[in-house]
């Protein structure tokens, strides 16, 4: 199945590698034009060229989600060129694992700056254009770490629980205004694209991309509000 997204414009954060790269590529394969945001311009540019080779439009914009001005400029540039944004995928995220008493304030602040504040700002700057058109879809990529607590992950867990609350509140704000909101929680992901036997038991980045594609191609009478994607290798004792 490959329902066309031709004519749609998507913005994907953290698109230079891993899940974000896979999502951008999947949307492009469905004929969507894609705007790629991340801090790694080399990888972004390479992906943009690959997408253009498919015959789709692709724009790579170097963006540090810790900087509100950079996010706002990226959104302005996108709207100036394409005229609209139909899909936003808030995917960018980072993590630092350590016991609470060893986790530094800088590490705590960086996780919240990217994982929560960056997603909030990207949504804040894009949402008005969606509301004006009465159409749009915001997909937030969380983690099963936003569903269960884990040792040595209090900071990362906190950011993902925060994103779940943000998504549900946003969903209730915009559901009657033509804008959909979906929260996706991947479990253990093979972000390195390893081919080892153990890596094959993990969620593949393409699996997450397929779920995003499913969410944004559902018919108007239905929407996917939240989904958890657990890997075979995940510790089932952690299931909520």
C-alpha atoms as a PDB file:
ATOM      1  CA  UNK A   1       0.000   0.000   0.000  1.00  0.00           C
ATOM      2  CA  UNK A   2       1.290   3.459  -0.857  1.00  0.00           C
ATOM      3  CA  UNK A   3      -1.454   6.034  -0.607  1.00  0.00           C
ATOM      4  CA  UNK A   4      -0.193   9.195  -2.246  1.00  0.00           C
ATOM      5  CA  UNK A   5       0.607  12.319  -0.252  1.00  0.00           C
ATOM      6  CA  UNK A   6       1.230  14.299  -3.424  1.00  0.00           C
ATOM      7  CA  UNK A   7       0.731  17.994  -2.848  1.00  0.00           C
ATOM      8  CA  UNK A   8       1.430  17.684   0.870  1.00  0.00           C
ATOM      9  CA  UNK A   9       4.274  19.477   2.633  1.00  0.00           C
ATOM     10  CA  UNK A  10       5.911  17.867   5.677  1.00  0.00           C
ATOM     11  CA  UNK A  11       8.444  19.222   8.154  1.00  0.00           C
ATOM     12  CA  UNK A  12      10.536  16.589   9.958  1.00  0.00           C
ATOM     13  CA  UNK A  13      12.866  17.522  12.813  1.00  0.00           C
ATOM     14  CA  UNK A  14      15.934  15.438  13.594  1.00  0.00           C
ATOM     15  CA  UNK A  15      15.852  14.262   9.980  1.00  0.00           C
ATOM     16  CA  UNK A  16      19.568  13.726   9.476  1.00  0.00           C
ATOM     17  CA  UNK A  17      19.685  10.167  10.833  1.00  0.00           C
ATOM     18  CA  UNK A  18      17.798   7.363  12.550  1.00  0.00           C
ATOM     19  CA  UNK A  19      14.027   7.575  12.898  1.00  0.00           C
ATOM     20  CA  UNK A  20      13.791  11.085  11.451  1.00  0.00           C
ATOM     21  CA  UNK A  21      15.693  10.073   8.327  1.00  0.00           C
ATOM     22  CA  UNK A  22      13.419   7.046   7.852  1.00  0.00           C
ATOM     23  CA  UNK A  23      10.255   9.111   8.331  1.00  0.00           C
ATOM     24  CA  UNK A  24      11.344  11.762   5.830  1.00  0.00           C
ATOM     25  CA  UNK A  25      12.243   9.090   3.284  1.00  0.00           C
ATOM     26  CA  UNK A  26       8.928   7.250   3.768  1.00  0.00           C
ATOM     27  CA  UNK A  27       6.880  10.413   3.294  1.00  0.00           C
ATOM     28  CA  UNK A  28       8.871  11.293   0.182  1.00  0.00           C
ATOM     29  CA  UNK A  29       8.219   7.810  -1.230  1.00  0.00           C
ATOM     30  CA  UNK A  30       4.516   8.628  -0.848  1.00  0.00           C
ATOM     31  CA  UNK A  31       5.041  11.725  -3.057  1.00  0.00           C
ATOM     32  CA  UNK A  32       5.183  14.204  -0.155  1.00  0.00           C
ATOM     33  CA  UNK A  33       7.537  17.203  -0.377  1.00  0.00           C
ATOM     34  CA  UNK A  34       9.727  17.337   2.711  1.00  0.00           C
ATOM     35  CA  UNK A  35      11.529  20.004   4.755  1.00  0.00           C
ATOM     36  CA  UNK A  36      14.398  18.551   6.768  1.00  0.00           C
ATOM     37  CA  UNK A  37      15.557  20.144  10.040  1.00  0.00           C
ATOM     38  CA  UNK A  38      18.597  19.088  12.069  1.00  0.00           C
ATOM     39  CA  UNK A  39      22.041  20.237  13.207  1.00  0.00           C
ATOM     40  CA  UNK A  40      23.955  18.040  10.707  1.00  0.00           C
ATOM     41  CA  UNK A  41      23.814  19.857   7.390  1.00  0.00           C
ATOM     42  CA  UNK A  42      25.957  17.291   5.520  1.00  0.00           C
ATOM     43  CA  UNK A  43      23.556  14.425   6.261  1.00  0.00           C
ATOM     44  CA  UNK A  44      20.529  16.654   5.622  1.00  0.00           C
ATOM     45  CA  UNK A  45      21.867  17.745   2.245  1.00  0.00           C
ATOM     46  CA  UNK A  46      22.579  14.154   1.218  1.00  0.00           C
ATOM     47  CA  UNK A  47      19.042  13.110   2.145  1.00  0.00           C
ATOM     48  CA  UNK A  48      17.585  16.108   0.312  1.00  0.00           C
ATOM     49  CA  UNK A  49      19.432  15.086  -2.852  1.00  0.00           C
ATOM     50  CA  UNK A  50      18.153  11.497  -2.538  1.00  0.00           C
ATOM     51  CA  UNK A  51      14.587  12.748  -2.142  1.00  0.00           C
ATOM     52  CA  UNK A  52      14.935  15.065  -5.134  1.00  0.00           C
ATOM     53  CA  UNK A  53      16.098  12.074  -7.154  1.00  0.00           C
ATOM     54  CA  UNK A  54      12.638  10.610  -6.482  1.00  0.00           C
ATOM     55  CA  UNK A  55      11.142  13.652  -8.157  1.00  0.00           C
ATOM     56  CA  UNK A  56      10.013  15.309  -4.928  1.00  0.00           C
ATOM     57  CA  UNK A  57      10.894  18.695  -3.482  1.00  0.00           C
ATOM     58  CA  UNK A  58      13.223  18.665  -0.482  1.00  0.00           C
ATOM     59  CA  UNK A  59      14.633  21.533   1.555  1.00  0.00           C
ATOM     60  CA  UNK A  60      17.431  21.043   4.098  1.00  0.00           C
ATOM     61  CA  UNK A  61      17.568  23.739   6.776  1.00  0.00           C
ATOM     62  CA  UNK A  62      20.315  23.716   9.400  1.00  0.00           C
ATOM     63  CA  UNK A  63      18.387  24.194  12.655  1.00  0.00           C
ATOM     64  CA  UNK A  64      19.384  23.903  16.294  1.00  0.00           C
ATOM     65  CA  UNK A  65      16.148  23.259  18.186  1.00  0.00           C
ATOM     66  CA  UNK A  66      17.670  24.813  21.283  1.00  0.00           C
ATOM     67  CA  UNK A  67      17.508  28.179  19.497  1.00  0.00           C
ATOM     68  CA  UNK A  68      14.012  29.681  19.154  1.00  0.00           C
ATOM     69  CA  UNK A  69      15.148  32.171  16.499  1.00  0.00           C
ATOM     70  CA  UNK A  70      16.515  29.391  14.276  1.00  0.00           C
ATOM     71  CA  UNK A  71      13.252  27.459  14.530  1.00  0.00           C
ATOM     72  CA  UNK A  72      11.189  30.520  13.691  1.00  0.00           C
ATOM     73  CA  UNK A  73      13.388  31.315  10.674  1.00  0.00           C
ATOM     74  CA  UNK A  74      13.108  27.734   9.415  1.00  0.00           C
ATOM     75  CA  UNK A  75       9.318  27.886   9.611  1.00  0.00           C
ATOM     76  CA  UNK A  76       9.216  31.281   7.904  1.00  0.00           C
ATOM     77  CA  UNK A  77      11.482  30.001   5.118  1.00  0.00           C
ATOM     78  CA  UNK A  78       9.289  26.937   4.625  1.00  0.00           C
ATOM     79  CA  UNK A  79       6.062  28.928   4.459  1.00  0.00           C
ATOM     80  CA  UNK A  80       7.614  31.495   2.138  1.00  0.00           C
ATOM     81  CA  UNK A  81       8.677  28.773  -0.313  1.00  0.00           C
ATOM     82  CA  UNK A  82       5.850  26.237  -0.097  1.00  0.00           C
ATOM     83  CA  UNK A  83       3.019  28.443   1.154  1.00  0.00           C
ATOM     84  CA  UNK A  84       1.815  25.934   3.740  1.00  0.00           C
ATOM     85  CA  UNK A  85       2.751  23.049   6.020  1.00  0.00           C
ATOM     86  CA  UNK A  86       0.450  20.019   6.134  1.00  0.00           C
ATOM     87  CA  UNK A  87       2.421  17.676   8.391  1.00  0.00           C
ATOM     88  CA  UNK A  88       4.814  18.340  11.262  1.00  0.00           C
ATOM     89  CA  UNK A  89       6.807  15.458  12.742  1.00  0.00           C
ATOM     90  CA  UNK A  90       8.459  16.431  16.025  1.00  0.00           C
ATOM     91  CA  UNK A  91      11.097  13.725  16.085  1.00  0.00           C
ATOM     92  CA  UNK A  92      14.329  15.361  17.291  1.00  0.00           C
ATOM     93  CA  UNK A  93      15.501  14.166  20.668  1.00  0.00           C
ATOM     94  CA  UNK A  94      18.534  13.254  22.725  1.00  0.00           C
ATOM     95  CA  UNK A  95      19.220  11.441  25.959  1.00  0.00           C
ATOM     96  CA  UNK A  96      21.697  11.270  28.825  1.00  0.00           C
ATOM     97  CA  UNK A  97      21.535   8.259  31.129  1.00  0.00           C
ATOM     98  CA  UNK A  98      22.773   8.536  34.702  1.00  0.00           C
ATOM     99  CA  UNK A  99      21.476   8.153  38.248  1.00  0.00           C
ATOM    100  CA  UNK A 100      19.708  11.293  39.418  1.00  0.00           C
ATOM    101  CA  UNK A 101      22.522  12.300  41.780  1.00  0.00           C
ATOM    102  CA  UNK A 102      25.061  11.997  38.946  1.00  0.00           C
ATOM    103  CA  UNK A 103      23.030  13.628  36.168  1.00  0.00           C
ATOM    104  CA  UNK A 104      24.382  17.116  35.550  1.00  0.00           C
ATOM    105  CA  UNK A 105      22.184  20.191  35.346  1.00  0.00           C
ATOM    106  CA  UNK A 106      23.557  20.848  31.839  1.00  0.00           C
ATOM    107  CA  UNK A 107      22.485  17.373  30.710  1.00  0.00           C
ATOM    108  CA  UNK A 108      19.029  17.773  32.283  1.00  0.00           C
ATOM    109  CA  UNK A 109      18.548  21.187  30.669  1.00  0.00           C
ATOM    110  CA  UNK A 110      19.748  20.009  27.259  1.00  0.00           C
ATOM    111  CA  UNK A 111      17.246  17.146  27.187  1.00  0.00           C
ATOM    112  CA  UNK A 112      14.370  19.455  28.060  1.00  0.00           C
ATOM    113  CA  UNK A 113      15.609  22.118  25.622  1.00  0.00           C
ATOM    114  CA  UNK A 114      15.543  19.721  22.654  1.00  0.00           C
ATOM    115  CA  UNK A 115      12.977  17.069  23.551  1.00  0.00           C
ATOM    116  CA  UNK A 116      10.289  19.335  24.994  1.00  0.00           C
ATOM    117  CA  UNK A 117      10.997  23.014  24.379  1.00  0.00           C
ATOM    118  CA  UNK A 118      12.122  22.392  20.789  1.00  0.00           C
ATOM    119  CA  UNK A 119       8.944  20.464  19.987  1.00  0.00           C
ATOM    120  CA  UNK A 120       6.831  23.140  21.673  1.00  0.00           C
ATOM    121  CA  UNK A 121       8.452  25.940  19.681  1.00  0.00           C
ATOM    122  CA  UNK A 122       8.263  24.130  16.349  1.00  0.00           C
ATOM    123  CA  UNK A 123       4.583  23.457  16.993  1.00  0.00           C
ATOM    124  CA  UNK A 124       3.976  27.016  18.200  1.00  0.00           C
ATOM    125  CA  UNK A 125       5.392  28.554  15.020  1.00  0.00           C
ATOM    126  CA  UNK A 126       3.742  26.108  12.589  1.00  0.00           C
ATOM    127  CA  UNK A 127       0.320  25.683  14.204  1.00  0.00           C
ATOM    128  CA  UNK A 128      -1.117  29.135  13.301  1.00  0.00           C
ATOM    129  CA  UNK A 129      -0.770  28.371   9.571  1.00  0.00           C
ATOM    130  CA  UNK A 130      -2.540  25.028  10.060  1.00  0.00           C
ATOM    131  CA  UNK A 131      -5.361  26.607  12.046  1.00  0.00           C
ATOM    132  CA  UNK A 132      -5.778  29.324   9.411  1.00  0.00           C
ATOM    133  CA  UNK A 133      -6.291  26.636   6.760  1.00  0.00           C
ATOM    134  CA  UNK A 134      -8.332  24.364   9.026  1.00  0.00           C
ATOM    135  CA  UNK A 135      -6.064  21.459   8.153  1.00  0.00           C
ATOM    136  CA  UNK A 136      -2.903  19.811   9.435  1.00  0.00           C
ATOM    137  CA  UNK A 137      -1.385  16.891  11.288  1.00  0.00           C
ATOM    138  CA  UNK A 138       1.187  17.018  14.095  1.00  0.00           C
ATOM    139  CA  UNK A 139       3.007  13.787  14.928  1.00  0.00           C
ATOM    140  CA  UNK A 140       5.090  13.698  18.103  1.00  0.00           C
ATOM    141  CA  UNK A 141       7.673  10.940  18.379  1.00  0.00           C
ATOM    142  CA  UNK A 142       7.985  10.008  22.019  1.00  0.00           C
ATOM    143  CA  UNK A 143       9.261   6.789  23.563  1.00  0.00           C
ATOM    144  CA  UNK A 144       8.031   3.948  25.697  1.00  0.00           C
ATOM    145  CA  UNK A 145      10.174   5.782  28.258  1.00  0.00           C
ATOM    146  CA  UNK A 146       7.195   8.134  28.396  1.00  0.00           C
ATOM    147  CA  UNK A 147       5.002   5.261  29.596  1.00  0.00           C
ATOM    148  CA  UNK A 148       7.200   3.546  32.197  1.00  0.00           C
ATOM    149  CA  UNK A 149       9.921   4.622  34.587  1.00  0.00           C
ATOM    150  CA  UNK A 150      13.436   3.259  34.124  1.00  0.00           C
ATOM    151  CA  UNK A 151      16.498   3.359  36.383  1.00  0.00           C
ATOM    152  CA  UNK A 152      19.193   5.867  35.413  1.00  0.00           C
ATOM    153  CA  UNK A 153      16.792   7.555  32.985  1.00  0.00           C
ATOM    154  CA  UNK A 154      14.848  10.001  35.161  1.00  0.00           C
ATOM    155  CA  UNK A 155      15.694  13.010  32.997  1.00  0.00           C
ATOM    156  CA  UNK A 156      14.905  11.324  29.695  1.00  0.00           C
ATOM    157  CA  UNK A 157      11.757   9.731  31.140  1.00  0.00           C
ATOM    158  CA  UNK A 158      10.622  13.135  32.390  1.00  0.00           C
ATOM    159  CA  UNK A 159      10.940  14.708  28.936  1.00  0.00           C
ATOM    160  CA  UNK A 160       8.932  11.942  27.288  1.00  0.00           C
ATOM    161  CA  UNK A 161       6.212  12.028  29.948  1.00  0.00           C
ATOM    162  CA  UNK A 162       6.080  15.794  29.386  1.00  0.00           C
ATOM    163  CA  UNK A 163       5.622  15.280  25.640  1.00  0.00           C
ATOM    164  CA  UNK A 164       2.751  12.891  26.268  1.00  0.00           C
ATOM    165  CA  UNK A 165       0.967  15.518  28.355  1.00  0.00           C
ATOM    166  CA  UNK A 166       1.720  18.175  25.743  1.00  0.00           C
ATOM    167  CA  UNK A 167       0.285  15.992  22.985  1.00  0.00           C
ATOM    168  CA  UNK A 168      -2.938  15.186  24.797  1.00  0.00           C
ATOM    169  CA  UNK A 169      -3.569  18.803  25.708  1.00  0.00           C
ATOM    170  CA  UNK A 170      -2.812  19.926  22.144  1.00  0.00           C
ATOM    171  CA  UNK A 171      -5.116  17.218  20.785  1.00  0.00           C
ATOM    172  CA  UNK A 172      -8.013  18.603  22.827  1.00  0.00           C
ATOM    173  CA  UNK A 173      -7.225  22.186  21.763  1.00  0.00           C
ATOM    174  CA  UNK A 174      -7.227  21.574  18.018  1.00  0.00           C
ATOM    175  CA  UNK A 175      -9.323  18.452  17.359  1.00  0.00           C
ATOM    176  CA  UNK A 176     -12.354  20.543  16.355  1.00  0.00           C
ATOM    177  CA  UNK A 177     -10.269  22.906  14.227  1.00  0.00           C
ATOM    178  CA  UNK A 178      -9.156  20.489  11.518  1.00  0.00           C
ATOM    179  CA  UNK A 179      -5.774  19.631  13.024  1.00  0.00           C
ATOM    180  CA  UNK A 180      -4.878  16.091  14.084  1.00  0.00           C
ATOM    181  CA  UNK A 181      -2.356  15.170  16.772  1.00  0.00           C
ATOM    182  CA  UNK A 182      -0.693  11.774  17.080  1.00  0.00           C
ATOM    183  CA  UNK A 183       1.745  10.558  19.757  1.00  0.00           C
ATOM    184  CA  UNK A 184       3.943   7.582  18.892  1.00  0.00           C
ATOM    185  CA  UNK A 185       6.038   5.756  21.517  1.00  0.00           C
ATOM    186  CA  UNK A 186       8.756   3.536  19.996  1.00  0.00           C
ATOM    187  CA  UNK A 187      10.515   1.066  22.278  1.00  0.00           C
ATOM    188  CA  UNK A 188      14.043  -0.214  21.585  1.00  0.00           C
ATOM    189  CA  UNK A 189      15.050   0.988  18.118  1.00  0.00           C
ATOM    190  CA  UNK A 190      17.929  -0.144  15.914  1.00  0.00           C
ATOM    191  CA  UNK A 191      19.079   3.409  15.260  1.00  0.00           C
ATOM    192  CA  UNK A 192      22.504   2.297  14.029  1.00  0.00           C
ATOM    193  CA  UNK A 193      20.958   0.131  11.273  1.00  0.00           C
ATOM    194  CA  UNK A 194      22.976  -2.836  12.589  1.00  0.00           C
ATOM    195  CA  UNK A 195      22.413  -6.177  10.800  1.00  0.00           C
ATOM    196  CA  UNK A 196      23.259  -8.329  13.834  1.00  0.00           C
ATOM    197  CA  UNK A 197      20.879 -10.974  15.147  1.00  0.00           C
ATOM    198  CA  UNK A 198      20.194  -8.981  18.310  1.00  0.00           C
ATOM    199  CA  UNK A 199      19.516  -5.818  16.302  1.00  0.00           C
ATOM    200  CA  UNK A 200      16.912  -7.647  14.251  1.00  0.00           C
ATOM    201  CA  UNK A 201      14.852  -8.152  17.417  1.00  0.00           C
ATOM    202  CA  UNK A 202      14.668  -4.381  17.876  1.00  0.00           C
ATOM    203  CA  UNK A 203      12.246  -2.012  16.182  1.00  0.00           C
ATOM    204  CA  UNK A 204      13.677  -0.872  12.859  1.00  0.00           C
ATOM    205  CA  UNK A 205      13.553   2.811  11.983  1.00  0.00           C
ATOM    206  CA  UNK A 206      11.400   1.900   8.991  1.00  0.00           C
ATOM    207  CA  UNK A 207       8.823   0.386  11.360  1.00  0.00           C
ATOM    208  CA  UNK A 208       8.332   3.743  13.058  1.00  0.00           C
ATOM    209  CA  UNK A 209       8.198   5.471   9.678  1.00  0.00           C
ATOM    210  CA  UNK A 210       5.436   3.118   8.528  1.00  0.00           C
ATOM    211  CA  UNK A 211       3.396   3.944  11.628  1.00  0.00           C
ATOM    212  CA  UNK A 212       3.781   7.668  10.966  1.00  0.00           C
ATOM    213  CA  UNK A 213       2.724   7.096   7.352  1.00  0.00           C
ATOM    214  CA  UNK A 214      -0.319   5.148   8.531  1.00  0.00           C
ATOM    215  CA  UNK A 215      -1.309   7.926  10.916  1.00  0.00           C
ATOM    216  CA  UNK A 216      -1.134  10.697   8.315  1.00  0.00           C
ATOM    217  CA  UNK A 217      -3.027   8.717   5.660  1.00  0.00           C
ATOM    218  CA  UNK A 218      -6.019   7.641   7.733  1.00  0.00           C
ATOM    219  CA  UNK A 219      -9.382   8.792   6.332  1.00  0.00           C
ATOM    220  CA  UNK A 220     -10.957  12.010   7.688  1.00  0.00           C
ATOM    221  CA  UNK A 221     -13.394  10.127   9.920  1.00  0.00           C
ATOM    222  CA  UNK A 222     -10.614   8.528  11.994  1.00  0.00           C
ATOM    223  CA  UNK A 223      -7.372   9.473  13.638  1.00  0.00           C
ATOM    224  CA  UNK A 224      -4.620   7.700  15.546  1.00  0.00           C
ATOM    225  CA  UNK A 225      -4.105   9.616  18.797  1.00  0.00           C
ATOM    226  CA  UNK A 226      -1.494   7.401  20.461  1.00  0.00           C
ATOM    227  CA  UNK A 227       0.420   4.216  19.719  1.00  0.00           C
ATOM    228  CA  UNK A 228       3.165   2.288  21.515  1.00  0.00           C
ATOM    229  CA  UNK A 229       5.507   0.174  19.416  1.00  0.00           C
ATOM    230  CA  UNK A 230       7.314  -2.418  21.532  1.00  0.00           C
ATOM    231  CA  UNK A 231      10.309  -4.393  20.315  1.00  0.00           C
ATOM    232  CA  UNK A 232      10.666  -8.137  20.802  1.00  0.00           C
ATOM    233  CA  UNK A 233      13.793  -7.392  22.828  1.00  0.00           C
ATOM    234  CA  UNK A 234      12.091  -4.948  25.209  1.00  0.00           C
ATOM    235  CA  UNK A 235      11.857  -5.963  28.862  1.00  0.00           C
ATOM    236  CA  UNK A 236       8.190  -6.885  29.195  1.00  0.00           C
ATOM    237  CA  UNK A 237       8.417  -6.469  32.975  1.00  0.00           C
ATOM    238  CA  UNK A 238       8.464  -2.740  32.254  1.00  0.00           C
ATOM    239  CA  UNK A 239       5.121  -2.800  30.449  1.00  0.00           C
ATOM    240  CA  UNK A 240       2.667  -0.421  32.132  1.00  0.00           C
END
